[in-house]
Amino acid sequence: MRKRKKMVMSALILGGLMLFQGYWYALGVFFLTGILYIWSLKEGLTGQEWFLIPLPGMTLSLGLSLFGMLLPESMIWNGFYAVITMAVHYFLMLTQNIYSVAAIRTIGLYRAATAVGFVMAITTGFLLSNTVLTFKQDFYTNGFLLAIISFVLYVPALWSVKLSEKVSREVWSISGLLSLYTGLFAMVISFWPISTTIASIFLTTVIYVFLGLSQHLLTDRLNKRNALEYLTFGVVVLVTMLVTTW
């Protein structure tokens, strides 16, 4: 079976899985997504790509499945959500396929794939942070969970910048440091008297700024201009959050 047909079938299955809900069910979807991604993209996977390539899809499925439990119950809405999930996973599989090919040879779509991968990582960050904060856990629990989640998002996203055979020590170090800071922000925001949605948007902005600056740093394109752009955006979101709170 051709790779494109496998991706279409996998996307259809993952979309259909969104019609059902449950916490343990979401965990099962997480692992099943990994199996489907590997089955669809296994040609050309080598070394650490076996877990780096399916990992973004697995976290996205977990986020979509858990976030779906927070939405109103409606057959029409569930069907619409399933279609969105199909489309998102299909485009993400195309992106991950480009990564696996670009790791071997130069491919023209790599830059576009990087942009899509960046957006998917940010989207997943919002879905999972919103889910975690919805449970209203203690601040240290929020910090711990968001640190782990962000680490899982940062590693493949930063690895995709250079597509090295192995995850470099630099990528591991930056991912660990940024996930620690993300967890600290999650702890602080747990004390803030704001809605879960606003808090999730703030944490997503943190991930956006950290990930954007880090990708520019790894490609030696970090300068005052783009650093100021990311930081300004982060400050604007922070100020907006404060204004709407007090």
C-alpha atoms as a PDB file:
ATOM      1  CA  MET A   1       0.000   0.000   0.000  1.00  0.00           C
ATOM      2  CA  ARG A   2       1.306   3.443  -0.928  1.00  0.00           C
ATOM      3  CA  LYS A   3       2.337   5.798   1.850  1.00  0.00           C
ATOM      4  CA  ARG A   4      -0.283   8.397   0.887  1.00  0.00           C
ATOM      5  CA  LYS A   5      -3.102   5.849   1.232  1.00  0.00           C
ATOM      6  CA  LYS A   6      -1.763   4.790   4.623  1.00  0.00           C
ATOM      7  CA  MET A   7      -1.801   8.398   5.787  1.00  0.00           C
ATOM      8  CA  VAL A   8      -5.379   8.885   4.589  1.00  0.00           C
ATOM      9  CA  MET A   9      -6.534   5.686   6.320  1.00  0.00           C
ATOM     10  CA  SER A  10      -4.731   6.618   9.540  1.00  0.00           C
ATOM     11  CA  ALA A  11      -6.238  10.117   9.505  1.00  0.00           C
ATOM     12  CA  LEU A  12      -9.733   8.659   9.011  1.00  0.00           C
ATOM     13  CA  ILE A  13      -9.249   6.256  11.917  1.00  0.00           C
ATOM     14  CA  LEU A  14      -7.930   8.984  14.218  1.00  0.00           C
ATOM     15  CA  GLY A  15     -10.800  11.259  13.266  1.00  0.00           C
ATOM     16  CA  GLY A  16     -13.326   8.524  13.972  1.00  0.00           C
ATOM     17  CA  LEU A  17     -11.804   7.931  17.400  1.00  0.00           C
ATOM     18  CA  MET A  18     -12.817  11.472  18.396  1.00  0.00           C
ATOM     19  CA  LEU A  19     -16.463  10.354  18.393  1.00  0.00           C
ATOM     20  CA  PHE A  20     -15.826   8.618  21.736  1.00  0.00           C
ATOM     21  CA  GLN A  21     -14.523   9.990  25.027  1.00  0.00           C
ATOM     22  CA  GLY A  22     -12.887   8.928  28.266  1.00  0.00           C
ATOM     23  CA  TYR A  23      -9.688   9.588  30.203  1.00  0.00           C
ATOM     24  CA  TRP A  24      -8.286   6.086  29.817  1.00  0.00           C
ATOM     25  CA  TYR A  25      -9.659   6.041  26.297  1.00  0.00           C
ATOM     26  CA  ALA A  26      -7.594   9.176  25.509  1.00  0.00           C
ATOM     27  CA  LEU A  27      -4.479   7.381  26.747  1.00  0.00           C
ATOM     28  CA  GLY A  28      -5.281   4.483  24.433  1.00  0.00           C
ATOM     29  CA  VAL A  29      -5.697   6.911  21.526  1.00  0.00           C
ATOM     30  CA  PHE A  30      -2.283   8.334  22.414  1.00  0.00           C
ATOM     31  CA  PHE A  31      -0.534   4.975  21.938  1.00  0.00           C
ATOM     32  CA  LEU A  32      -2.648   3.948  18.943  1.00  0.00           C
ATOM     33  CA  THR A  33      -1.670   7.200  17.215  1.00  0.00           C
ATOM     34  CA  GLY A  34       1.984   6.264  17.590  1.00  0.00           C
ATOM     35  CA  ILE A  35       1.330   2.890  15.971  1.00  0.00           C
ATOM     36  CA  LEU A  36      -0.575   4.459  13.069  1.00  0.00           C
ATOM     37  CA  TYR A  37       2.096   7.102  12.461  1.00  0.00           C
ATOM     38  CA  ILE A  38       4.857   4.501  12.425  1.00  0.00           C
ATOM     39  CA  TRP A  39       2.814   2.271  10.116  1.00  0.00           C
ATOM     40  CA  SER A  40       2.185   5.160   7.735  1.00  0.00           C
ATOM     41  CA  LEU A  41       5.698   6.627   7.745  1.00  0.00           C
ATOM     42  CA  LYS A  42       7.965   3.678   8.579  1.00  0.00           C
ATOM     43  CA  GLU A  43       9.736   3.720   5.206  1.00  0.00           C
ATOM     44  CA  GLY A  44      12.885   5.726   5.753  1.00  0.00           C
ATOM     45  CA  LEU A  45      12.688   5.968   9.553  1.00  0.00           C
ATOM     46  CA  THR A  46      16.051   5.387  11.216  1.00  0.00           C
ATOM     47  CA  GLY A  47      17.495   5.682  14.696  1.00  0.00           C
ATOM     48  CA  GLN A  48      15.742   8.175  16.936  1.00  0.00           C
ATOM     49  CA  GLU A  49      13.255   9.085  14.190  1.00  0.00           C
ATOM     50  CA  TRP A  50      11.210   6.085  15.314  1.00  0.00           C
ATOM     51  CA  PHE A  51      10.028   8.079  18.322  1.00  0.00           C
ATOM     52  CA  LEU A  52      10.680  11.666  17.158  1.00  0.00           C
ATOM     53  CA  ILE A  53       8.469  11.405  14.074  1.00  0.00           C
ATOM     54  CA  PRO A  54       5.303   9.954  15.722  1.00  0.00           C
ATOM     55  CA  LEU A  55       5.647  11.899  19.004  1.00  0.00           C
ATOM     56  CA  PRO A  56       4.017  15.178  17.800  1.00  0.00           C
ATOM     57  CA  GLY A  57       1.040  13.235  16.453  1.00  0.00           C
ATOM     58  CA  MET A  58       0.698  11.292  19.698  1.00  0.00           C
ATOM     59  CA  THR A  59       0.637  14.429  21.858  1.00  0.00           C
ATOM     60  CA  LEU A  60      -1.761  16.094  19.426  1.00  0.00           C
ATOM     61  CA  SER A  61      -4.151  13.129  19.667  1.00  0.00           C
ATOM     62  CA  LEU A  62      -3.975  13.205  23.452  1.00  0.00           C
ATOM     63  CA  GLY A  63      -4.730  16.931  23.447  1.00  0.00           C
ATOM     64  CA  LEU A  64      -7.607  16.616  20.998  1.00  0.00           C
ATOM     65  CA  SER A  65      -9.125  13.660  22.834  1.00  0.00           C
ATOM     66  CA  LEU A  66      -8.944  15.306  26.278  1.00  0.00           C
ATOM     67  CA  PHE A  67     -10.045  18.708  25.019  1.00  0.00           C
ATOM     68  CA  GLY A  68     -13.014  17.089  23.260  1.00  0.00           C
ATOM     69  CA  MET A  69     -14.312  16.002  26.653  1.00  0.00           C
ATOM     70  CA  LEU A  70     -14.637  19.659  27.639  1.00  0.00           C
ATOM     71  CA  LEU A  71     -16.841  20.532  24.665  1.00  0.00           C
ATOM     72  CA  PRO A  72     -20.665  20.411  24.560  1.00  0.00           C
ATOM     73  CA  GLU A  73     -22.119  17.013  23.718  1.00  0.00           C
ATOM     74  CA  SER A  74     -23.684  17.163  20.269  1.00  0.00           C
ATOM     75  CA  MET A  75     -23.700  14.709  17.374  1.00  0.00           C
ATOM     76  CA  ILE A  76     -23.246  17.539  14.892  1.00  0.00           C
ATOM     77  CA  TRP A  77     -20.382  19.090  16.853  1.00  0.00           C
ATOM     78  CA  ASN A  78     -18.738  15.689  17.428  1.00  0.00           C
ATOM     79  CA  GLY A  79     -18.872  14.989  13.703  1.00  0.00           C
ATOM     80  CA  PHE A  80     -17.383  18.387  12.915  1.00  0.00           C
ATOM     81  CA  TYR A  81     -14.653  17.830  15.523  1.00  0.00           C
ATOM     82  CA  ALA A  82     -13.855  14.436  13.991  1.00  0.00           C
ATOM     83  CA  VAL A  83     -13.475  15.984  10.524  1.00  0.00           C
ATOM     84  CA  ILE A  84     -11.144  18.651  11.912  1.00  0.00           C
ATOM     85  CA  THR A  85      -9.080  15.934  13.612  1.00  0.00           C
ATOM     86  CA  MET A  86      -8.795  13.996  10.333  1.00  0.00           C
ATOM     87  CA  ALA A  87      -7.549  17.058   8.465  1.00  0.00           C
ATOM     88  CA  VAL A  88      -5.105  18.090  11.195  1.00  0.00           C
ATOM     89  CA  HIS A  89      -3.569  14.627  11.458  1.00  0.00           C
ATOM     90  CA  TYR A  90      -3.289  14.274   7.698  1.00  0.00           C
ATOM     91  CA  PHE A  91      -1.374  17.542   7.375  1.00  0.00           C
ATOM     92  CA  LEU A  92       0.783  16.652  10.355  1.00  0.00           C
ATOM     93  CA  MET A  93       1.633  13.270   8.820  1.00  0.00           C
ATOM     94  CA  LEU A  94       2.606  15.023   5.594  1.00  0.00           C
ATOM     95  CA  THR A  95       4.828  17.294   7.670  1.00  0.00           C
ATOM     96  CA  GLN A  96       6.459  14.430   9.549  1.00  0.00           C
ATOM     97  CA  ASN A  97       6.984  12.587   6.280  1.00  0.00           C
ATOM     98  CA  ILE A  98       8.837  15.614   4.902  1.00  0.00           C
ATOM     99  CA  TYR A  99      11.036  15.605   8.008  1.00  0.00           C
ATOM    100  CA  SER A 100      11.925  11.936   7.563  1.00  0.00           C
ATOM    101  CA  VAL A 101      12.787  12.501   3.892  1.00  0.00           C
ATOM    102  CA  ALA A 102      14.624  15.783   4.494  1.00  0.00           C
ATOM    103  CA  ALA A 103      16.839  14.049   7.054  1.00  0.00           C
ATOM    104  CA  ILE A 104      18.253  12.016   4.164  1.00  0.00           C
ATOM    105  CA  ARG A 105      18.229  14.499   1.290  1.00  0.00           C
ATOM    106  CA  THR A 106      17.367  18.127   0.625  1.00  0.00           C
ATOM    107  CA  ILE A 107      13.688  18.715  -0.092  1.00  0.00           C
ATOM    108  CA  GLY A 108      12.028  21.953  -1.172  1.00  0.00           C
ATOM    109  CA  LEU A 109       8.999  21.659   1.126  1.00  0.00           C
ATOM    110  CA  TYR A 110      11.089  21.526   4.293  1.00  0.00           C
ATOM    111  CA  ARG A 111      10.593  25.193   5.198  1.00  0.00           C
ATOM    112  CA  ALA A 112       6.826  24.923   4.797  1.00  0.00           C
ATOM    113  CA  ALA A 113       6.850  21.747   6.885  1.00  0.00           C
ATOM    114  CA  THR A 114       8.751  23.549   9.639  1.00  0.00           C
ATOM    115  CA  ALA A 115       6.077  26.253   9.748  1.00  0.00           C
ATOM    116  CA  VAL A 116       3.282  23.664   9.942  1.00  0.00           C
ATOM    117  CA  GLY A 117       5.134  21.737  12.646  1.00  0.00           C
ATOM    118  CA  PHE A 118       5.540  24.931  14.659  1.00  0.00           C
ATOM    119  CA  VAL A 119       1.815  25.707  14.468  1.00  0.00           C
ATOM    120  CA  MET A 120       0.917  22.134  15.438  1.00  0.00           C
ATOM    121  CA  ALA A 121       3.207  22.274  18.475  1.00  0.00           C
ATOM    122  CA  ILE A 122       1.612  25.535  19.626  1.00  0.00           C
ATOM    123  CA  THR A 123      -1.888  24.125  19.064  1.00  0.00           C
ATOM    124  CA  THR A 124      -1.057  21.009  21.056  1.00  0.00           C
ATOM    125  CA  GLY A 125       0.346  23.194  23.811  1.00  0.00           C
ATOM    126  CA  PHE A 126      -2.941  25.058  24.093  1.00  0.00           C
ATOM    127  CA  LEU A 127      -5.076  21.903  24.086  1.00  0.00           C
ATOM    128  CA  LEU A 128      -3.054  20.177  26.800  1.00  0.00           C
ATOM    129  CA  SER A 129      -2.501  23.245  28.981  1.00  0.00           C
ATOM    130  CA  ASN A 130      -6.220  24.003  28.869  1.00  0.00           C
ATOM    131  CA  THR A 131      -7.011  20.432  29.876  1.00  0.00           C
ATOM    132  CA  VAL A 132      -4.510  20.428  32.756  1.00  0.00           C
ATOM    133  CA  LEU A 133      -5.704  23.760  34.141  1.00  0.00           C
ATOM    134  CA  THR A 134      -9.349  22.704  33.894  1.00  0.00           C
ATOM    135  CA  PHE A 135      -8.789  20.103  36.619  1.00  0.00           C
ATOM    136  CA  LYS A 136      -7.921  22.922  39.090  1.00  0.00           C
ATOM    137  CA  GLN A 137      -5.023  21.014  40.632  1.00  0.00           C
ATOM    138  CA  ASP A 138      -2.448  22.380  43.076  1.00  0.00           C
ATOM    139  CA  PHE A 139       0.084  24.814  41.640  1.00  0.00           C
ATOM    140  CA  TYR A 140       2.953  22.326  41.883  1.00  0.00           C
ATOM    141  CA  THR A 141       0.930  19.677  40.030  1.00  0.00           C
ATOM    142  CA  ASN A 142       0.196  22.157  37.235  1.00  0.00           C
ATOM    143  CA  GLY A 143       3.870  23.095  37.083  1.00  0.00           C
ATOM    144  CA  PHE A 144       5.036  19.478  36.967  1.00  0.00           C
ATOM    145  CA  LEU A 145       2.545  18.412  34.284  1.00  0.00           C
ATOM    146  CA  LEU A 146       3.132  21.469  32.086  1.00  0.00           C
ATOM    147  CA  ALA A 147       6.894  21.032  32.379  1.00  0.00           C
ATOM    148  CA  ILE A 148       6.631  17.450  31.104  1.00  0.00           C
ATOM    149  CA  ILE A 149       4.166  18.371  28.364  1.00  0.00           C
ATOM    150  CA  SER A 150       6.268  21.282  27.125  1.00  0.00           C
ATOM    151  CA  PHE A 151       9.423  19.136  27.166  1.00  0.00           C
ATOM    152  CA  VAL A 152       7.718  16.574  24.928  1.00  0.00           C
ATOM    153  CA  LEU A 153       6.721  19.427  22.597  1.00  0.00           C
ATOM    154  CA  TYR A 154      10.093  21.185  22.584  1.00  0.00           C
ATOM    155  CA  VAL A 155      12.333  18.194  21.784  1.00  0.00           C
ATOM    156  CA  PRO A 156      10.875  17.148  18.389  1.00  0.00           C
ATOM    157  CA  ALA A 157      10.187  20.767  17.411  1.00  0.00           C
ATOM    158  CA  LEU A 158      13.797  21.813  18.050  1.00  0.00           C
ATOM    159  CA  TRP A 159      15.196  18.625  16.547  1.00  0.00           C
ATOM    160  CA  SER A 160      13.327  19.379  13.306  1.00  0.00           C
ATOM    161  CA  VAL A 161      15.381  22.557  12.875  1.00  0.00           C
ATOM    162  CA  LYS A 162      18.513  20.650  11.861  1.00  0.00           C
ATOM    163  CA  LEU A 163      17.212  17.067  11.491  1.00  0.00           C
ATOM    164  CA  SER A 164      20.390  15.523  12.838  1.00  0.00           C
ATOM    165  CA  GLU A 165      20.761  11.760  13.084  1.00  0.00           C
ATOM    166  CA  LYS A 166      20.499  11.994  16.860  1.00  0.00           C
ATOM    167  CA  VAL A 167      19.013  14.585  19.170  1.00  0.00           C
ATOM    168  CA  SER A 168      21.961  16.813  20.009  1.00  0.00           C
ATOM    169  CA  ARG A 169      22.999  17.646  23.548  1.00  0.00           C
ATOM    170  CA  GLU A 170      22.138  21.251  22.735  1.00  0.00           C
ATOM    171  CA  VAL A 171      18.545  20.357  21.906  1.00  0.00           C
ATOM    172  CA  TRP A 172      18.194  18.252  25.063  1.00  0.00           C
ATOM    173  CA  SER A 173      19.632  21.068  27.191  1.00  0.00           C
ATOM    174  CA  ILE A 174      17.509  23.838  25.675  1.00  0.00           C
ATOM    175  CA  SER A 175      14.360  21.698  25.866  1.00  0.00           C
ATOM    176  CA  GLY A 176      15.017  20.859  29.505  1.00  0.00           C
ATOM    177  CA  LEU A 177      15.667  24.466  30.459  1.00  0.00           C
ATOM    178  CA  LEU A 178      12.645  25.828  28.601  1.00  0.00           C
ATOM    179  CA  SER A 179      10.340  23.153  30.009  1.00  0.00           C
ATOM    180  CA  LEU A 180      11.517  24.094  33.507  1.00  0.00           C
ATOM    181  CA  TYR A 181      10.667  27.757  32.879  1.00  0.00           C
ATOM    182  CA  THR A 182       7.330  26.784  31.327  1.00  0.00           C
ATOM    183  CA  GLY A 183       6.512  24.769  34.432  1.00  0.00           C
ATOM    184  CA  LEU A 184       7.407  27.760  36.631  1.00  0.00           C
ATOM    185  CA  PHE A 185       5.101  29.996  34.586  1.00  0.00           C
ATOM    186  CA  ALA A 186       2.353  27.388  35.026  1.00  0.00           C
ATOM    187  CA  MET A 187       2.869  27.468  38.785  1.00  0.00           C
ATOM    188  CA  VAL A 188       2.665  31.260  38.878  1.00  0.00           C
ATOM    189  CA  ILE A 189      -0.422  31.435  36.670  1.00  0.00           C
ATOM    190  CA  SER A 190      -2.148  28.947  38.995  1.00  0.00           C
ATOM    191  CA  PHE A 191      -2.388  31.730  41.600  1.00  0.00           C
ATOM    192  CA  TRP A 192      -3.734  34.299  39.163  1.00  0.00           C
ATOM    193  CA  PRO A 193      -7.498  35.044  39.358  1.00  0.00           C
ATOM    194  CA  ILE A 194      -8.242  34.460  35.680  1.00  0.00           C
ATOM    195  CA  SER A 195     -10.280  31.999  33.660  1.00  0.00           C
ATOM    196  CA  THR A 196      -8.824  28.718  32.460  1.00  0.00           C
ATOM    197  CA  THR A 197      -8.999  29.846  28.840  1.00  0.00           C
ATOM    198  CA  ILE A 198      -7.037  33.046  29.474  1.00  0.00           C
ATOM    199  CA  ALA A 199      -4.445  31.151  31.518  1.00  0.00           C
ATOM    200  CA  SER A 200      -4.111  28.585  28.716  1.00  0.00           C
ATOM    201  CA  ILE A 201      -3.617  31.323  26.131  1.00  0.00           C
ATOM    202  CA  PHE A 202      -0.905  32.843  28.318  1.00  0.00           C
ATOM    203  CA  LEU A 203       0.949  29.520  28.673  1.00  0.00           C
ATOM    204  CA  THR A 204       0.578  28.893  24.949  1.00  0.00           C
ATOM    205  CA  THR A 205       2.145  32.299  24.351  1.00  0.00           C
ATOM    206  CA  VAL A 206       5.037  31.312  26.622  1.00  0.00           C
ATOM    207  CA  ILE A 207       5.583  28.159  24.555  1.00  0.00           C
ATOM    208  CA  TYR A 208       5.297  30.194  21.355  1.00  0.00           C
ATOM    209  CA  VAL A 209       7.945  32.703  22.476  1.00  0.00           C
ATOM    210  CA  PHE A 210      10.329  30.067  23.857  1.00  0.00           C
ATOM    211  CA  LEU A 211      10.021  27.809  20.832  1.00  0.00           C
ATOM    212  CA  GLY A 212      10.330  30.639  18.311  1.00  0.00           C
ATOM    213  CA  LEU A 213      13.428  32.135  19.921  1.00  0.00           C
ATOM    214  CA  SER A 214      15.040  28.702  20.314  1.00  0.00           C
ATOM    215  CA  GLN A 215      14.495  27.738  16.681  1.00  0.00           C
ATOM    216  CA  HIS A 216      16.065  31.006  15.555  1.00  0.00           C
ATOM    217  CA  LEU A 217      18.959  30.408  17.949  1.00  0.00           C
ATOM    218  CA  LEU A 218      19.633  26.911  16.614  1.00  0.00           C
ATOM    219  CA  THR A 219      19.661  28.174  13.017  1.00  0.00           C
ATOM    220  CA  ASP A 220      21.951  31.108  13.918  1.00  0.00           C
ATOM    221  CA  ARG A 221      19.256  33.581  12.854  1.00  0.00           C
ATOM    222  CA  LEU A 222      18.502  35.060  16.247  1.00  0.00           C
ATOM    223  CA  ASN A 223      18.969  38.825  16.213  1.00  0.00           C
ATOM    224  CA  LYS A 224      17.597  41.850  18.030  1.00  0.00           C
ATOM    225  CA  ARG A 225      14.770  42.298  15.548  1.00  0.00           C
ATOM    226  CA  ASN A 226      13.132  38.874  15.747  1.00  0.00           C
ATOM    227  CA  ALA A 227      13.909  38.607  19.471  1.00  0.00           C
ATOM    228  CA  LEU A 228      12.085  41.911  20.008  1.00  0.00           C
ATOM    229  CA  GLU A 229       9.151  40.706  17.910  1.00  0.00           C
ATOM    230  CA  TYR A 230       8.644  37.568  20.003  1.00  0.00           C
ATOM    231  CA  LEU A 231       9.165  39.333  23.319  1.00  0.00           C
ATOM    232  CA  THR A 232       6.843  42.190  22.339  1.00  0.00           C
ATOM    233  CA  PHE A 233       4.114  39.721  21.476  1.00  0.00           C
ATOM    234  CA  GLY A 234       4.581  38.004  24.835  1.00  0.00           C
ATOM    235  CA  VAL A 235       4.419  41.302  26.716  1.00  0.00           C
ATOM    236  CA  VAL A 236       1.274  42.361  24.832  1.00  0.00           C
ATOM    237  CA  VAL A 237      -0.458  39.116  25.811  1.00  0.00           C
ATOM    238  CA  LEU A 238       0.664  39.546  29.427  1.00  0.00           C
ATOM    239  CA  VAL A 239      -0.562  43.156  29.604  1.00  0.00           C
ATOM    240  CA  THR A 240      -3.863  42.217  27.954  1.00  0.00           C
ATOM    241  CA  MET A 241      -4.321  39.442  30.500  1.00  0.00           C
ATOM    242  CA  LEU A 242      -3.656  41.863  33.363  1.00  0.00           C
ATOM    243  CA  VAL A 243      -6.032  44.480  31.977  1.00  0.00           C
ATOM    244  CA  THR A 244      -8.865  42.004  31.536  1.00  0.00           C
ATOM    245  CA  THR A 245      -8.285  40.667  35.063  1.00  0.00           C
ATOM    246  CA  TRP A 246      -8.161  43.793  37.179  1.00  0.00           C
END
